[in-house]
N, C-alpha and C. Protein backbone atom coordinates (compact mmCIF):
# COMPACT_ATOMS: atom_id res chain seq x y z
N MET A 1 -30.00 -24.97 -9.88
CA MET A 1 -28.99 -25.78 -10.11
C MET A 1 -28.54 -26.16 -11.19
N SER A 2 -27.90 -26.98 -11.24
CA SER A 2 -27.43 -27.97 -12.45
C SER A 2 -29.02 -29.06 -12.87
N ILE A 3 -28.23 -29.21 -14.00
CA ILE A 3 -28.49 -30.77 -15.04
C ILE A 3 -28.09 -31.21 -14.84
N VAL A 4 -28.39 -32.21 -14.40
CA VAL A 4 -27.71 -34.05 -15.21
C VAL A 4 -29.06 -34.56 -16.77
N LYS A 5 -27.74 -34.98 -17.72
CA LYS A 5 -28.49 -36.28 -18.79
C LYS A 5 -27.59 -36.69 -18.92
N ILE A 6 -28.70 -38.12 -18.52
CA ILE A 6 -27.59 -39.18 -19.30
C ILE A 6 -28.96 -40.06 -20.35
N ASN A 7 -27.56 -40.32 -21.32
CA ASN A 7 -27.64 -41.24 -22.86
C ASN A 7 -27.84 -42.72 -22.19
N VAL A 8 -28.70 -43.66 -22.21
CA VAL A 8 -28.59 -44.73 -21.83
C VAL A 8 -28.86 -44.95 -23.02
N LEU A 9 -27.18 -46.16 -23.48
CA LEU A 9 -27.21 -46.67 -24.68
C LEU A 9 -27.50 -47.47 -25.08
N THR A 10 -28.05 -48.97 -25.44
CA THR A 10 -27.93 -50.45 -25.73
C THR A 10 -27.24 -50.45 -26.52
N VAL A 11 -25.74 -51.30 -26.28
CA VAL A 11 -24.52 -51.80 -26.96
C VAL A 11 -24.46 -53.21 -27.17
N PRO A 12 -24.14 -53.86 -28.24
CA PRO A 12 -24.50 -54.55 -27.89
C PRO A 12 -22.46 -55.30 -27.93
N GLU A 13 -21.95 -56.62 -27.74
CA GLU A 13 -21.06 -56.27 -26.91
C GLU A 13 -20.03 -57.02 -28.06
N GLU A 14 -20.20 -57.61 -29.20
CA GLU A 14 -19.39 -56.63 -30.00
C GLU A 14 -18.79 -55.63 -30.22
N GLN A 15 -19.61 -54.57 -29.93
CA GLN A 15 -20.13 -53.07 -30.51
C GLN A 15 -19.55 -52.56 -29.79
N ARG A 16 -18.74 -52.41 -28.07
CA ARG A 16 -18.55 -52.30 -27.45
C ARG A 16 -17.51 -51.71 -27.30
N GLU A 17 -15.97 -51.94 -27.97
CA GLU A 17 -14.84 -51.77 -28.13
C GLU A 17 -14.73 -50.06 -29.49
N VAL A 18 -15.06 -50.72 -30.46
CA VAL A 18 -15.64 -49.26 -30.86
C VAL A 18 -16.55 -48.40 -30.40
N LEU A 19 -17.55 -48.44 -29.24
CA LEU A 19 -17.94 -47.20 -28.79
C LEU A 19 -16.93 -46.52 -27.68
N GLU A 20 -16.43 -47.07 -27.62
CA GLU A 20 -15.96 -46.72 -26.30
C GLU A 20 -14.13 -46.24 -26.98
N GLN A 21 -13.94 -46.86 -27.92
CA GLN A 21 -13.23 -46.09 -29.18
C GLN A 21 -13.62 -45.05 -29.31
N ARG A 22 -15.19 -44.43 -30.11
CA ARG A 22 -15.05 -43.51 -30.73
C ARG A 22 -15.67 -42.90 -29.54
N PHE A 23 -16.06 -43.04 -27.98
CA PHE A 23 -15.20 -41.56 -26.91
C PHE A 23 -14.47 -41.14 -26.83
N ALA A 24 -13.15 -41.98 -26.86
CA ALA A 24 -11.57 -42.16 -26.55
C ALA A 24 -11.23 -41.18 -27.76
N ALA A 25 -11.72 -41.55 -29.13
CA ALA A 25 -11.36 -39.99 -30.37
C ALA A 25 -11.70 -39.07 -30.21
N ARG A 26 -13.12 -38.58 -29.13
CA ARG A 26 -13.48 -37.38 -29.08
C ARG A 26 -13.47 -36.49 -27.69
N ALA A 27 -12.15 -37.09 -26.96
CA ALA A 27 -11.81 -36.66 -25.80
C ALA A 27 -11.76 -34.99 -25.90
N GLY A 28 -12.77 -34.12 -25.09
CA GLY A 28 -11.93 -33.18 -24.91
C GLY A 28 -13.49 -32.21 -25.91
N ALA A 29 -14.01 -32.92 -26.50
CA ALA A 29 -14.96 -32.35 -27.11
C ALA A 29 -16.32 -31.51 -26.63
N VAL A 30 -16.70 -32.08 -26.09
CA VAL A 30 -17.78 -31.02 -24.35
C VAL A 30 -17.48 -30.66 -24.09
N GLU A 31 -16.04 -30.57 -23.13
CA GLU A 31 -15.43 -30.17 -22.15
C GLU A 31 -15.35 -27.97 -22.31
N SER A 32 -14.92 -27.92 -23.93
CA SER A 32 -15.25 -26.59 -23.99
C SER A 32 -16.63 -25.74 -23.87
N SER A 33 -17.79 -26.90 -23.79
CA SER A 33 -18.65 -26.27 -24.21
C SER A 33 -19.11 -25.50 -22.84
N ASP A 34 -19.84 -24.09 -23.69
CA ASP A 34 -20.04 -23.30 -22.01
C ASP A 34 -21.38 -23.84 -21.79
N GLY A 35 -21.55 -23.72 -20.43
CA GLY A 35 -22.28 -24.19 -19.60
C GLY A 35 -21.74 -26.29 -19.15
N PHE A 36 -20.89 -26.07 -19.21
CA PHE A 36 -20.61 -27.67 -19.50
C PHE A 36 -20.46 -27.84 -17.91
N GLU A 37 -19.89 -29.25 -17.06
CA GLU A 37 -19.55 -29.46 -15.50
C GLU A 37 -19.29 -30.41 -15.77
N TRP A 38 -19.54 -31.88 -16.18
CA TRP A 38 -18.85 -33.05 -16.19
C TRP A 38 -19.37 -33.90 -16.87
N PHE A 39 -18.82 -35.35 -17.38
CA PHE A 39 -18.93 -36.15 -17.69
C PHE A 39 -18.40 -36.98 -17.87
N GLU A 40 -18.75 -37.87 -17.42
CA GLU A 40 -18.54 -39.53 -18.12
C GLU A 40 -19.19 -40.47 -18.91
N LEU A 41 -18.64 -41.81 -18.81
CA LEU A 41 -18.78 -42.95 -19.62
C LEU A 41 -18.68 -44.04 -19.21
N LEU A 42 -19.72 -44.77 -18.80
CA LEU A 42 -19.77 -45.70 -17.81
C LEU A 42 -20.72 -47.06 -18.49
N ARG A 43 -19.24 -47.93 -17.91
CA ARG A 43 -19.43 -49.41 -18.96
C ARG A 43 -20.01 -50.24 -18.23
N PRO A 44 -20.59 -51.14 -18.61
CA PRO A 44 -22.01 -52.53 -17.01
C PRO A 44 -20.78 -52.92 -16.86
N LEU A 45 -21.18 -53.42 -15.59
CA LEU A 45 -20.23 -54.57 -15.15
C LEU A 45 -20.52 -55.93 -15.51
N GLU A 46 -22.58 -56.12 -15.03
CA GLU A 46 -22.71 -57.08 -14.58
C GLU A 46 -24.34 -57.11 -15.63
N GLY A 47 -24.53 -57.57 -16.17
CA GLY A 47 -26.56 -58.24 -15.73
C GLY A 47 -26.96 -57.07 -16.64
N THR A 48 -26.23 -56.21 -17.83
CA THR A 48 -27.28 -55.53 -18.49
C THR A 48 -26.25 -55.17 -19.46
N ASP A 49 -26.87 -54.66 -21.02
CA ASP A 49 -26.15 -54.16 -22.41
C ASP A 49 -26.32 -52.67 -22.59
N GLN A 50 -26.13 -51.88 -21.22
CA GLN A 50 -26.69 -50.32 -21.30
C GLN A 50 -24.94 -50.02 -21.04
N TYR A 51 -24.91 -49.01 -22.06
CA TYR A 51 -23.82 -47.89 -21.13
C TYR A 51 -24.37 -46.64 -21.07
N LEU A 52 -24.25 -45.78 -20.13
CA LEU A 52 -24.45 -44.43 -19.64
C LEU A 52 -23.65 -43.45 -19.92
N VAL A 53 -24.29 -42.51 -20.50
CA VAL A 53 -23.33 -41.08 -21.15
C VAL A 53 -24.06 -39.90 -19.75
N TYR A 54 -23.08 -39.77 -18.99
CA TYR A 54 -23.92 -38.90 -18.43
C TYR A 54 -22.95 -37.60 -18.24
N THR A 55 -24.33 -36.46 -18.82
CA THR A 55 -23.06 -35.38 -18.79
C THR A 55 -24.58 -33.88 -17.93
N ARG A 56 -23.37 -32.82 -16.58
CA ARG A 56 -23.46 -32.12 -15.80
C ARG A 56 -23.74 -30.58 -16.41
N TRP A 57 -24.23 -29.91 -16.70
CA TRP A 57 -24.40 -28.68 -17.13
C TRP A 57 -25.04 -27.51 -16.10
N ARG A 58 -25.03 -26.41 -17.14
CA ARG A 58 -25.43 -25.80 -15.96
C ARG A 58 -26.91 -25.22 -15.56
N ASP A 59 -26.86 -25.59 -16.64
CA ASP A 59 -28.73 -25.33 -17.52
C ASP A 59 -29.45 -25.87 -18.49
N GLU A 60 -30.35 -25.73 -18.88
CA GLU A 60 -31.17 -26.89 -19.66
C GLU A 60 -30.01 -26.19 -21.27
N ALA A 61 -30.97 -24.15 -21.17
CA ALA A 61 -30.27 -23.69 -21.92
C ALA A 61 -28.69 -23.86 -22.75
N ALA A 62 -28.13 -24.18 -22.03
CA ALA A 62 -26.31 -24.45 -22.04
C ALA A 62 -26.33 -26.10 -22.39
N PHE A 63 -27.24 -27.43 -22.50
CA PHE A 63 -27.17 -28.40 -22.77
C PHE A 63 -27.89 -28.51 -24.16
N GLN A 64 -29.25 -27.53 -24.40
CA GLN A 64 -29.34 -27.48 -25.83
C GLN A 64 -28.57 -26.37 -26.61
N ALA A 65 -28.04 -25.58 -26.36
CA ALA A 65 -26.59 -25.11 -27.65
C ALA A 65 -25.78 -25.91 -27.65
N TRP A 66 -25.39 -26.98 -26.33
CA TRP A 66 -24.51 -28.14 -27.66
C TRP A 66 -25.13 -29.13 -27.76
N MET A 67 -25.37 -29.20 -28.12
CA MET A 67 -27.09 -30.57 -28.67
C MET A 67 -26.97 -29.63 -29.78
N GLU A 68 -27.54 -28.90 -30.18
CA GLU A 68 -27.45 -27.73 -31.81
C GLU A 68 -26.57 -27.66 -32.19
N GLY A 69 -25.46 -27.27 -31.17
CA GLY A 69 -24.41 -26.34 -32.34
C GLY A 69 -23.37 -27.97 -32.38
N PRO A 70 -21.97 -28.11 -31.22
CA PRO A 70 -20.99 -28.98 -31.91
C PRO A 70 -21.16 -30.96 -31.68
N MET A 71 -22.25 -30.93 -31.12
CA MET A 71 -22.73 -32.23 -30.59
C MET A 71 -24.34 -32.42 -32.16
N LYS A 72 -24.72 -32.35 -33.00
CA LYS A 72 -25.59 -32.23 -33.63
C LYS A 72 -23.72 -31.99 -35.60
N ALA A 73 -23.23 -31.37 -34.97
CA ALA A 73 -22.11 -31.19 -36.21
C ALA A 73 -21.63 -32.39 -36.31
N ALA A 74 -21.34 -33.41 -34.96
CA ALA A 74 -20.62 -34.21 -34.58
C ALA A 74 -21.41 -35.66 -35.11
N HIS A 75 -22.13 -35.57 -34.92
CA HIS A 75 -22.86 -36.60 -35.27
C HIS A 75 -23.85 -36.88 -36.38
N GLN A 76 -23.29 -35.72 -37.77
CA GLN A 76 -24.35 -35.34 -38.46
C GLN A 76 -22.79 -35.86 -39.82
N GLY A 77 -21.46 -36.24 -39.44
CA GLY A 77 -20.01 -36.41 -39.68
C GLY A 77 -20.16 -34.78 -39.62
N GLY A 78 -19.81 -34.20 -39.06
CA GLY A 78 -18.84 -32.97 -39.16
C GLY A 78 -17.45 -33.11 -38.65
N GLY A 79 -16.95 -33.90 -38.70
CA GLY A 79 -16.01 -33.57 -38.44
C GLY A 79 -14.15 -34.06 -39.09
N GLU A 80 -13.14 -34.34 -38.89
CA GLU A 80 -12.43 -33.97 -40.28
C GLU A 80 -12.42 -35.62 -40.78
N ARG A 81 -13.14 -36.43 -40.27
CA ARG A 81 -12.69 -38.19 -40.39
C ARG A 81 -14.08 -38.26 -42.02
N GLY A 82 -13.96 -37.82 -42.67
CA GLY A 82 -15.31 -38.22 -43.98
C GLY A 82 -14.22 -39.28 -44.56
N GLY A 83 -13.41 -40.27 -44.38
CA GLY A 83 -12.23 -40.11 -45.70
C GLY A 83 -12.62 -41.95 -45.09
N GLU A 84 -13.85 -41.84 -44.04
CA GLU A 84 -13.25 -43.32 -43.16
C GLU A 84 -14.80 -44.37 -43.67
N GLY A 85 -14.89 -45.90 -44.30
CA GLY A 85 -16.00 -45.81 -44.99
C GLY A 85 -16.96 -46.37 -43.68
N ALA A 86 -18.00 -46.52 -44.61
CA ALA A 86 -19.32 -46.27 -44.13
C ALA A 86 -19.15 -47.16 -43.24
N ALA A 87 -18.81 -48.02 -43.04
CA ALA A 87 -18.69 -49.53 -41.94
C ALA A 87 -18.56 -48.28 -40.71
N GLN A 88 -17.65 -48.52 -40.62
CA GLN A 88 -16.83 -47.35 -39.30
C GLN A 88 -17.94 -46.65 -39.11
N ARG A 89 -18.51 -46.08 -39.39
CA ARG A 89 -19.84 -44.90 -39.29
C ARG A 89 -21.37 -45.14 -38.84
N LYS A 90 -21.59 -46.73 -39.40
CA LYS A 90 -22.57 -46.65 -38.25
C LYS A 90 -22.76 -46.60 -36.86
N PRO A 91 -23.81 -46.38 -36.92
CA PRO A 91 -23.77 -46.71 -34.87
C PRO A 91 -23.20 -47.79 -34.30
N ALA A 92 -22.66 -47.41 -33.42
CA ALA A 92 -21.76 -48.14 -32.13
C ALA A 92 -23.41 -49.39 -31.26
N ALA A 93 -24.16 -48.55 -31.27
CA ALA A 93 -25.51 -48.21 -30.00
C ALA A 93 -26.59 -48.08 -31.13
N ALA A 94 -27.25 -49.76 -30.73
CA ALA A 94 -28.45 -50.36 -31.27
C ALA A 94 -29.73 -49.27 -30.88
N GLY A 95 -29.20 -48.87 -29.57
CA GLY A 95 -30.54 -47.95 -29.47
C GLY A 95 -30.29 -46.86 -28.31
N SER A 96 -30.98 -45.91 -28.22
CA SER A 96 -30.70 -44.45 -27.19
C SER A 96 -31.54 -44.08 -27.03
N THR A 97 -32.06 -44.16 -25.38
CA THR A 97 -32.33 -43.06 -23.97
C THR A 97 -32.18 -42.28 -23.75
N LEU A 98 -32.94 -40.58 -23.53
CA LEU A 98 -32.10 -39.83 -23.15
C LEU A 98 -32.98 -39.72 -21.91
N TRP A 99 -32.12 -39.40 -20.33
CA TRP A 99 -33.45 -39.79 -19.35
C TRP A 99 -32.05 -37.56 -18.87
N SER A 100 -32.94 -37.42 -18.27
CA SER A 100 -32.93 -35.93 -17.38
C SER A 100 -33.41 -35.34 -15.84
N PHE A 101 -33.04 -35.10 -15.26
CA PHE A 101 -32.78 -34.78 -14.29
C PHE A 101 -32.09 -33.63 -14.06
N GLU A 102 -33.51 -32.70 -12.85
CA GLU A 102 -32.18 -31.57 -11.96
C GLU A 102 -31.58 -32.27 -10.75
N VAL A 103 -30.33 -31.53 -10.53
CA VAL A 103 -29.76 -31.96 -8.82
C VAL A 103 -30.56 -30.97 -8.31
N VAL A 104 -30.50 -31.79 -7.03
CA VAL A 104 -30.99 -31.36 -5.81
C VAL A 104 -30.52 -31.16 -5.21
N GLN A 105 -30.07 -32.53 -4.65
CA GLN A 105 -28.68 -32.42 -3.52
C GLN A 105 -27.40 -32.18 -4.66
N GLN A 106 -26.14 -32.20 -3.38
CA GLN A 106 -24.88 -33.10 -4.07
C GLN A 106 -24.10 -33.17 -3.02
N ALA A 107 -23.18 -33.79 -3.19
CA ALA A 107 -22.09 -33.57 -1.89
C ALA A 107 -20.72 -33.87 -1.88
N ALA A 108 -19.25 -33.45 -2.11
CA ALA A 108 -18.33 -34.09 -2.66
C ALA A 108 -17.30 -34.37 -1.35
N PRO A 109 -15.77 -34.86 -1.77
CA PRO A 109 -15.38 -35.13 -0.46
C PRO A 109 -14.76 -34.57 0.12
N LYS A 110 -14.68 -34.34 1.23
CA LYS A 110 -14.14 -33.47 2.15
C LYS A 110 -12.46 -33.21 1.77
């Protein structure tokens, strides 16, 4: 069955727009990865400064392949936007935690 990875990002209020813009700029980057099933960026509404980055994968091997390939390159400046200043490349999140889950039940709309 599928696995879910949720990256919990602590984002200061002044960095929220930066984070959302960065995710929008790389829209489509994960969708072509083998084993990728779903992505959502969840913005907090109240009571927390934590965004959730939800991804769903066919299996752990597919997630690890993405982590070691496209995701690693993106986070190490592997994109074509190398001309941006260092301040623009500063992480928008002040911290992150990765949660892992195995899908044991699911439902879809009828």
